[in-house]
PDB file of all heavy atoms in Angstrom:
ATOM      1  N   VAL A   1     114.117 103.604 100.117  1.00  0.00           N
ATOM      2  CA  VAL A   1     114.839 102.659  99.251  1.00  0.00           C
ATOM      3  C   VAL A   1     115.804 101.813 100.079  1.00  0.00           C
ATOM      4  O   VAL A   1     115.913 100.592  99.896  1.00  0.00           O
ATOM      5  CB  VAL A   1     115.598 103.400  98.134  1.00  0.00           C
ATOM      6  CG1 VAL A   1     116.540 102.456  97.395  1.00  0.00           C
ATOM      7  CG2 VAL A   1     114.616 104.033  97.159  1.00  0.00           C
ATOM      8  N   VAL A   2     116.506 102.439 101.022  1.00  0.00           N
ATOM      9  CA  VAL A   2     117.433 101.698 101.888  1.00  0.00           C
ATOM     10  C   VAL A   2     116.676 100.668 102.719  1.00  0.00           C
ATOM     11  O   VAL A   2     117.112  99.518 102.881  1.00  0.00           O
ATOM     12  CB  VAL A   2     118.213 102.660 102.796  1.00  0.00           C
ATOM     13  CG1 VAL A   2     119.059 101.870 103.804  1.00  0.00           C
ATOM     14  CG2 VAL A   2     119.101 103.569 101.971  1.00  0.00           C
ATOM     15  N   ILE A   3     115.509 101.061 103.244  1.00  0.00           N
ATOM     16  CA  ILE A   3     114.696 100.120 104.024  1.00  0.00           C
ATOM     17  C   ILE A   3     114.305  98.926 103.165  1.00  0.00           C
ATOM     18  O   ILE A   3     114.361  97.767 103.602  1.00  0.00           O
ATOM     19  CB  ILE A   3     113.440 100.816 104.576  1.00  0.00           C
ATOM     20  CG1 ILE A   3     113.833 101.860 105.628  1.00  0.00           C
ATOM     21  CG2 ILE A   3     112.477  99.800 105.182  1.00  0.00           C
ATOM     22  CD1 ILE A   3     112.675 102.709 106.102  1.00  0.00           C
ATOM     23  N   ALA A   4     113.918  99.198 101.899  1.00  0.00           N
ATOM     24  CA  ALA A   4     113.509  98.117 100.997  1.00  0.00           C
ATOM     25  C   ALA A   4     114.671  97.201 100.640  1.00  0.00           C
ATOM     26  O   ALA A   4     114.460  96.036 100.299  1.00  0.00           O
ATOM     27  CB  ALA A   4     112.893  98.715  99.733  1.00  0.00           C
ATOM     28  N   LEU A   5     115.908  97.697 100.754  1.00  0.00           N
ATOM     29  CA  LEU A   5     117.086  96.858 100.484  1.00  0.00           C
ATOM     30  C   LEU A   5     117.369  95.897 101.649  1.00  0.00           C
ATOM     31  O   LEU A   5     118.117  94.945 101.501  1.00  0.00           O
ATOM     32  CB  LEU A   5     118.318  97.729 100.229  1.00  0.00           C
ATOM     33  CG  LEU A   5     118.335  98.486  98.898  1.00  0.00           C
ATOM     34  CD1 LEU A   5     119.520  99.449  98.854  1.00  0.00           C
ATOM     35  CD2 LEU A   5     118.408  97.504  97.726  1.00  0.00           C
ATOM     36  N   ARG A   6     116.820  96.158 102.821  1.00  0.00           N
ATOM     37  CA  ARG A   6     116.969  95.331 104.033  1.00  0.00           C
ATOM     38  C   ARG A   6     118.433  95.017 104.345  1.00  0.00           C
ATOM     39  O   ARG A   6     118.886  93.878 104.267  1.00  0.00           O
ATOM     40  CB  ARG A   6     116.192  94.032 103.893  1.00  0.00           C
ATOM     41  CG  ARG A   6     114.686  94.196 103.987  1.00  0.00           C
ATOM     42  CD  ARG A   6     114.007  92.842 103.954  1.00  0.00           C
ATOM     43  NE  ARG A   6     114.432  92.029 105.074  1.00  0.00           N
ATOM     44  CZ  ARG A   6     114.400  90.690 105.062  1.00  0.00           C
ATOM     45  NH1 ARG A   6     113.976  90.047 103.988  1.00  0.00           N
ATOM     46  NH2 ARG A   6     114.785  90.018 106.117  1.00  0.00           N
ATOM     47  N   PRO A   7     119.207  96.020 104.730  1.00  0.00           N
ATOM     48  CA  PRO A   7     120.607  95.760 105.097  1.00  0.00           C
ATOM     49  C   PRO A   7     120.693  94.949 106.385  1.00  0.00           C
ATOM     50  O   PRO A   7     119.899  95.145 107.310  1.00  0.00           O
ATOM     51  CB  PRO A   7     121.189  97.164 105.282  1.00  0.00           C
ATOM     52  CG  PRO A   7     120.015  98.011 105.627  1.00  0.00           C
ATOM     53  CD  PRO A   7     118.847  97.434 104.864  1.00  0.00           C
ATOM     54  N   THR A   8     121.644  94.031 106.454  1.00  0.00           N
ATOM     55  CA  THR A   8     121.853  93.201 107.641  1.00  0.00           C
ATOM     56  C   THR A   8     123.333  93.066 107.923  1.00  0.00           C
ATOM     57  O   THR A   8     124.175  93.264 107.036  1.00  0.00           O
ATOM     58  CB  THR A   8     121.259  91.788 107.467  1.00  0.00           C
ATOM     59  OG1 THR A   8     121.933  91.129 106.374  1.00  0.00           O
ATOM     60  CG2 THR A   8     119.769  91.841 107.158  1.00  0.00           C
ATOM     61  N   ILE A   9     123.658  92.732 109.162  1.00  0.00           N
ATOM     62  CA  ILE A   9     125.027  92.405 109.549  1.00  0.00           C
ATOM     63  C   ILE A   9     125.001  91.068 110.269  1.00  0.00           C
ATOM     64  O   ILE A   9     123.998  90.713 110.886  1.00  0.00           O
ATOM     65  CB  ILE A   9     125.654  93.483 110.455  1.00  0.00           C
ATOM     66  CG1 ILE A   9     124.806  93.690 111.722  1.00  0.00           C
ATOM     67  CG2 ILE A   9     125.840  94.790 109.711  1.00  0.00           C
ATOM     68  CD1 ILE A   9     125.431  94.631 112.729  1.00  0.00           C
ATOM     69  N   PRO A  10     126.110  90.279 110.197  1.00  0.00           N
ATOM     70  CA  PRO A  10     126.138  88.986 110.898  1.00  0.00           C
ATOM     71  C   PRO A  10     125.980  89.177 112.388  1.00  0.00           C
ATOM     72  O   PRO A  10     126.564  90.086 112.981  1.00  0.00           O
ATOM     73  CB  PRO A  10     127.532  88.430 110.560  1.00  0.00           C
ATOM     74  CG  PRO A  10     127.944  89.163 109.320  1.00  0.00           C
ATOM     75  CD  PRO A  10     127.325  90.529 109.431  1.00  0.00           C
ATOM     76  N   GLY A  11     125.151  88.338 113.020  1.00  0.00           N
ATOM     77  CA  GLY A  11     124.964  88.402 114.465  1.00  0.00           C
ATOM     78  C   GLY A  11     126.061  87.670 115.199  1.00  0.00           C
ATOM     79  O   GLY A  11     126.763  86.832 114.625  1.00  0.00           O
ATOM     80  N   ASN A  12     126.234  87.974 116.467  1.00  0.00           N
ATOM     81  CA  ASN A  12     127.232  87.304 117.302  1.00  0.00           C
ATOM     82  C   ASN A  12     126.598  86.250 118.194  1.00  0.00           C
ATOM     83  O   ASN A  12     127.032  85.991 119.294  1.00  0.00           O
ATOM     84  CB  ASN A  12     127.953  88.342 118.180  1.00  0.00           C
ATOM     85  CG  ASN A  12     128.801  89.268 117.364  1.00  0.00           C
ATOM     86  OD1 ASN A  12     129.424  88.840 116.406  1.00  0.00           O
ATOM     87  ND2 ASN A  12     128.818  90.536 117.724  1.00  0.00           N
ATOM     88  N   HIS A  13     125.522  85.645 117.693  1.00  0.00           N
ATOM     89  CA  HIS A  13     124.812  84.663 118.500  1.00  0.00           C
ATOM     90  C   HIS A  13     124.342  83.528 117.611  1.00  0.00           C
ATOM     91  O   HIS A  13     124.288  83.644 116.410  1.00  0.00           O
ATOM     92  CB  HIS A  13     123.599  85.325 119.173  1.00  0.00           C
ATOM     93  CG  HIS A  13     122.922  86.320 118.287  1.00  0.00           C
ATOM     94  ND1 HIS A  13     122.911  87.664 118.558  1.00  0.00           N
ATOM     95  CD2 HIS A  13     122.272  86.175 117.091  1.00  0.00           C
ATOM     96  CE1 HIS A  13     122.263  88.309 117.599  1.00  0.00           C
ATOM     97  NE2 HIS A  13     121.871  87.425 116.705  1.00  0.00           N
ATOM     98  N   ARG A  14     124.028  82.434 118.224  1.00  0.00           N
ATOM     99  CA  ARG A  14     123.515  81.276 117.509  1.00  0.00           C
ATOM    100  C   ARG A  14     122.158  80.929 118.109  1.00  0.00           C
ATOM    101  O   ARG A  14     121.885  81.244 119.260  1.00  0.00           O
ATOM    102  CB  ARG A  14     124.449  80.073 117.662  1.00  0.00           C
ATOM    103  CG  ARG A  14     125.891  80.351 117.320  1.00  0.00           C
ATOM    104  CD  ARG A  14     126.723  79.104 117.609  1.00  0.00           C
ATOM    105  NE  ARG A  14     128.127  79.406 117.586  1.00  0.00           N
ATOM    106  CZ  ARG A  14     128.850  79.419 116.486  1.00  0.00           C
ATOM    107  NH1 ARG A  14     128.296  79.164 115.337  1.00  0.00           N
ATOM    108  NH2 ARG A  14     130.134  79.693 116.517  1.00  0.00           N
ATOM    109  N   PRO A  15     121.335  80.237 117.343  1.00  0.00           N
ATOM    110  CA  PRO A  15     120.086  79.772 117.924  1.00  0.00           C
ATOM    111  C   PRO A  15     120.374  78.879 119.122  1.00  0.00           C
ATOM    112  O   PRO A  15     121.130  77.924 119.004  1.00  0.00           O
ATOM    113  CB  PRO A  15     119.434  78.975 116.780  1.00  0.00           C
ATOM    114  CG  PRO A  15     120.090  79.490 115.543  1.00  0.00           C
ATOM    115  CD  PRO A  15     121.483  79.878 115.943  1.00  0.00           C
ATOM    116  N   PRO A  16     119.850  79.185 120.312  1.00  0.00           N
ATOM    117  CA  PRO A  16     120.210  78.431 121.513  1.00  0.00           C
ATOM    118  C   PRO A  16     119.871  76.957 121.424  1.00  0.00           C
ATOM    119  O   PRO A  16     120.492  76.140 122.072  1.00  0.00           O
ATOM    120  CB  PRO A  16     119.402  79.123 122.623  1.00  0.00           C
ATOM    121  CG  PRO A  16     118.309  79.846 121.918  1.00  0.00           C
ATOM    122  CD  PRO A  16     118.858  80.237 120.586  1.00  0.00           C
ATOM    123  N   SER A  17     118.890  76.588 120.596  1.00  0.00           N
ATOM    124  CA  SER A  17     118.502  75.189 120.524  1.00  0.00           C
ATOM    125  C   SER A  17     119.526  74.342 119.785  1.00  0.00           C
ATOM    126  O   SER A  17     119.577  73.139 119.953  1.00  0.00           O
ATOM    127  CB  SER A  17     117.148  75.070 119.824  1.00  0.00           C
ATOM    128  OG  SER A  17     117.220  75.594 118.507  1.00  0.00           O
ATOM    129  N   ALA A  18     120.362  74.979 118.950  1.00  0.00           N
ATOM    130  CA  ALA A  18     121.273  74.215 118.109  1.00  0.00           C
ATOM    131  C   ALA A  18     122.303  73.459 118.932  1.00  0.00           C
ATOM    132  O   ALA A  18     122.683  72.346 118.582  1.00  0.00           O
ATOM    133  CB  ALA A  18     121.963  75.144 117.120  1.00  0.00           C
ATOM    134  N   MET A  19     122.808  74.061 120.005  1.00  0.00           N
ATOM    135  CA  MET A  19     123.816  73.425 120.840  1.00  0.00           C
ATOM    136  C   MET A  19     123.224  72.919 122.152  1.00  0.00           C
ATOM    137  O   MET A  19     123.946  72.496 123.036  1.00  0.00           O
ATOM    138  CB  MET A  19     124.944  74.417 121.132  1.00  0.00           C
ATOM    139  CG  MET A  19     125.751  74.812 119.914  1.00  0.00           C
ATOM    140  SD  MET A  19     126.614  73.414 119.206  1.00  0.00           S
ATOM    141  CE  MET A  19     127.137  74.118 117.649  1.00  0.00           C
ATOM    142  N   GLY A  20     121.912  73.002 122.290  1.00  0.00           N
ATOM    143  CA  GLY A  20     121.291  72.641 123.563  1.00  0.00           C
ATOM    144  C   GLY A  20     121.393  71.175 123.904  1.00  0.00           C
ATOM    145  O   GLY A  20     121.178  70.790 125.045  1.00  0.00           O
ATOM    146  N   ASP A  21     121.715  70.335 122.924  1.00  0.00           N
ATOM    147  CA  ASP A  21     121.806  68.895 123.162  1.00  0.00           C
ATOM    148  C   ASP A  21     123.250  68.445 123.313  1.00  0.00           C
ATOM    149  O   ASP A  21     123.552  67.266 123.209  1.00  0.00           O
ATOM    150  CB  ASP A  21     121.134  68.140 122.004  1.00  0.00           C
ATOM    151  CG  ASP A  21     120.947  66.660 122.308  1.00  0.00           C
ATOM    152  OD1 ASP A  21     120.628  66.336 123.466  1.00  0.00           O
ATOM    153  OD2 ASP A  21     121.131  65.831 121.395  1.00  0.00           O
ATOM    154  N   LEU A  22     124.158  69.397 123.561  1.00  0.00           N
ATOM    155  CA  LEU A  22     125.585  69.084 123.610  1.00  0.00           C
ATOM    156  C   LEU A  22     126.160  69.317 124.997  1.00  0.00           C
ATOM    157  O   LEU A  22     125.921  70.348 125.625  1.00  0.00           O
ATOM    158  CB  LEU A  22     126.337  69.965 122.603  1.00  0.00           C
ATOM    159  CG  LEU A  22     127.855  69.779 122.551  1.00  0.00           C
ATOM    160  CD1 LEU A  22     128.217  68.387 122.035  1.00  0.00           C
ATOM    161  CD2 LEU A  22     128.485  70.846 121.679  1.00  0.00           C
ATOM    162  N   ASP A  23     126.917  68.334 125.490  1.00  0.00           N
ATOM    163  CA  ASP A  23     127.675  68.466 126.733  1.00  0.00           C
ATOM    164  C   ASP A  23     129.157  68.505 126.394  1.00  0.00           C
ATOM    165  O   ASP A  23     129.663  67.619 125.686  1.00  0.00           O
ATOM    166  CB  ASP A  23     127.397  67.297 127.679  1.00  0.00           C
ATOM    167  CG  ASP A  23     125.972  67.305 128.218  1.00  0.00           C
ATOM    168  OD1 ASP A  23     125.318  68.358 128.135  1.00  0.00           O
ATOM    169  OD2 ASP A  23     125.518  66.251 128.708  1.00  0.00           O
ATOM    170  N   VAL A  24     129.851  69.526 126.877  1.00  0.00           N
ATOM    171  CA  VAL A  24     131.273  69.717 126.589  1.00  0.00           C
ATOM    172  C   VAL A  24     132.064  69.553 127.879  1.00  0.00           C
ATOM    173  O   VAL A  24     131.849  70.294 128.845  1.00  0.00           O
ATOM    174  CB  VAL A  24     131.534  71.112 125.993  1.00  0.00           C
ATOM    175  CG1 VAL A  24     133.002  71.246 125.594  1.00  0.00           C
ATOM    176  CG2 VAL A  24     130.630  71.365 124.792  1.00  0.00           C
ATOM    177  N   TYR A  25     132.968  68.589 127.898  1.00  0.00           N
ATOM    178  CA  TYR A  25     133.811  68.335 129.071  1.00  0.00           C
ATOM    179  C   TYR A  25     135.231  68.829 128.778  1.00  0.00           C
ATOM    180  O   TYR A  25     135.901  68.335 127.864  1.00  0.00           O
ATOM    181  CB  TYR A  25     133.845  66.842 129.405  1.00  0.00           C
ATOM    182  CG  TYR A  25     132.532  66.290 129.913  1.00  0.00           C
ATOM    183  CD1 TYR A  25     131.515  65.936 129.024  1.00  0.00           C
ATOM    184  CD2 TYR A  25     132.295  66.133 131.272  1.00  0.00           C
ATOM    185  CE1 TYR A  25     130.305  65.431 129.477  1.00  0.00           C
ATOM    186  CE2 TYR A  25     131.080  65.633 131.738  1.00  0.00           C
ATOM    187  CZ  TYR A  25     130.089  65.288 130.830  1.00  0.00           C
ATOM    188  OH  TYR A  25     128.888  64.783 131.285  1.00  0.00           O
ATOM    189  N   PHE A  26     135.689  69.817 129.537  1.00  0.00           N
ATOM    190  CA  PHE A  26     137.059  70.300 129.437  1.00  0.00           C
ATOM    191  C   PHE A  26     137.890  69.583 130.499  1.00  0.00           C
ATOM    192  O   PHE A  26     137.596  69.676 131.697  1.00  0.00           O
ATOM    193  CB  PHE A  26     137.127  71.807 129.659  1.00  0.00           C
ATOM    194  CG  PHE A  26     136.435  72.618 128.592  1.00  0.00           C
ATOM    195  CD1 PHE A  26     135.190  73.184 128.833  1.00  0.00           C
ATOM    196  CD2 PHE A  26     137.025  72.800 127.353  1.00  0.00           C
ATOM    197  CE1 PHE A  26     134.557  73.932 127.862  1.00  0.00           C
ATOM    198  CE2 PHE A  26     136.394  73.552 126.363  1.00  0.00           C
ATOM    199  CZ  PHE A  26     135.157  74.109 126.613  1.00  0.00           C
ATOM    200  N   VAL A  27     138.910  68.871 130.065  1.00  0.00           N
ATOM    201  CA  VAL A  27     139.766  68.102 130.975  1.00  0.00           C
ATOM    202  C   VAL A  27     141.165  68.714 130.912  1.00  0.00           C
ATOM    203  O   VAL A  27     141.835  68.633 129.881  1.00  0.00           O
ATOM    204  CB  VAL A  27     139.797  66.616 130.571  1.00  0.00           C
ATOM    205  CG1 VAL A  27     140.632  65.818 131.569  1.00  0.00           C
ATOM    206  CG2 VAL A  27     138.384  66.058 130.471  1.00  0.00           C
ATOM    207  N   VAL A  28     141.593  69.331 132.005  1.00  0.00           N
ATOM    208  CA  VAL A  28     142.787  70.168 131.980  1.00  0.00           C
ATOM    209  C   VAL A  28     143.877  69.627 132.902  1.00  0.00           C
ATOM    210  O   VAL A  28     143.632  69.336 134.076  1.00  0.00           O
ATOM    211  CB  VAL A  28     142.442  71.613 132.396  1.00  0.00           C
ATOM    212  CG1 VAL A  28     143.637  72.534 132.162  1.00  0.00           C
ATOM    213  CG2 VAL A  28     141.219  72.116 131.645  1.00  0.00           C
ATOM    214  N   ASP A  29     145.064  69.520 132.354  1.00  0.00           N
ATOM    215  CA  ASP A  29     146.253  69.134 133.113  1.00  0.00           C
ATOM    216  C   ASP A  29     146.687  70.328 133.957  1.00  0.00           C
ATOM    217  O   ASP A  29     146.980  71.402 133.431  1.00  0.00           O
ATOM    218  CB  ASP A  29     147.360  68.746 132.123  1.00  0.00           C
ATOM    219  CG  ASP A  29     148.640  68.295 132.809  1.00  0.00           C
ATOM    220  OD1 ASP A  29     148.760  68.427 134.042  1.00  0.00           O
ATOM    221  OD2 ASP A  29     149.538  67.807 132.088  1.00  0.00           O
ATOM    222  N   THR A  30     146.703  70.169 135.279  1.00  0.00           N
ATOM    223  CA  THR A  30     147.162  71.253 136.153  1.00  0.00           C
ATOM    224  C   THR A  30     148.407  70.841 136.937  1.00  0.00           C
ATOM    225  O   THR A  30     148.681  71.387 138.010  1.00  0.00           O
ATOM    226  CB  THR A  30     146.048  71.683 137.132  1.00  0.00           C
ATOM    227  OG1 THR A  30     145.533  70.541 137.823  1.00  0.00           O
ATOM    228  CG2 THR A  30     144.923  72.393 136.403  1.00  0.00           C
ATOM    229  N   THR A  31     149.143  69.862 136.428  1.00  0.00           N
ATOM    230  CA  THR A  31     150.396  69.489 137.070  1.00  0.00           C
ATOM    231  C   THR A  31     151.407  70.627 136.913  1.00  0.00           C
ATOM    232  O   THR A  31     151.204  71.559 136.137  1.00  0.00           O
ATOM    233  CB  THR A  31     150.971  68.199 136.456  1.00  0.00           C
ATOM    234  OG1 THR A  31     151.165  68.391 135.050  1.00  0.00           O
ATOM    235  CG2 THR A  31     150.031  67.024 136.674  1.00  0.00           C
ATOM    236  N   SER A  32     152.503  70.535 137.622  1.00  0.00           N
ATOM    237  CA  SER A  32     153.495  71.618 137.612  1.00  0.00           C
ATOM    238  C   SER A  32     154.039  71.907 136.228  1.00  0.00           C
ATOM    239  O   SER A  32     154.439  73.042 135.928  1.00  0.00           O
ATOM    240  CB  SER A  32     154.652  71.261 138.559  1.00  0.00           C
ATOM    241  OG  SER A  32     154.211  71.180 139.903  1.00  0.00           O
TER     242      SER A  32
END
């Protein structure tokens, strides 16, 4: 019965193709 209920938990991953078209530029101030 538990198997037929198909319990799931949220995954900690995303489909790799979803962000594959994105370039992220981090621009950081390193002055004093």
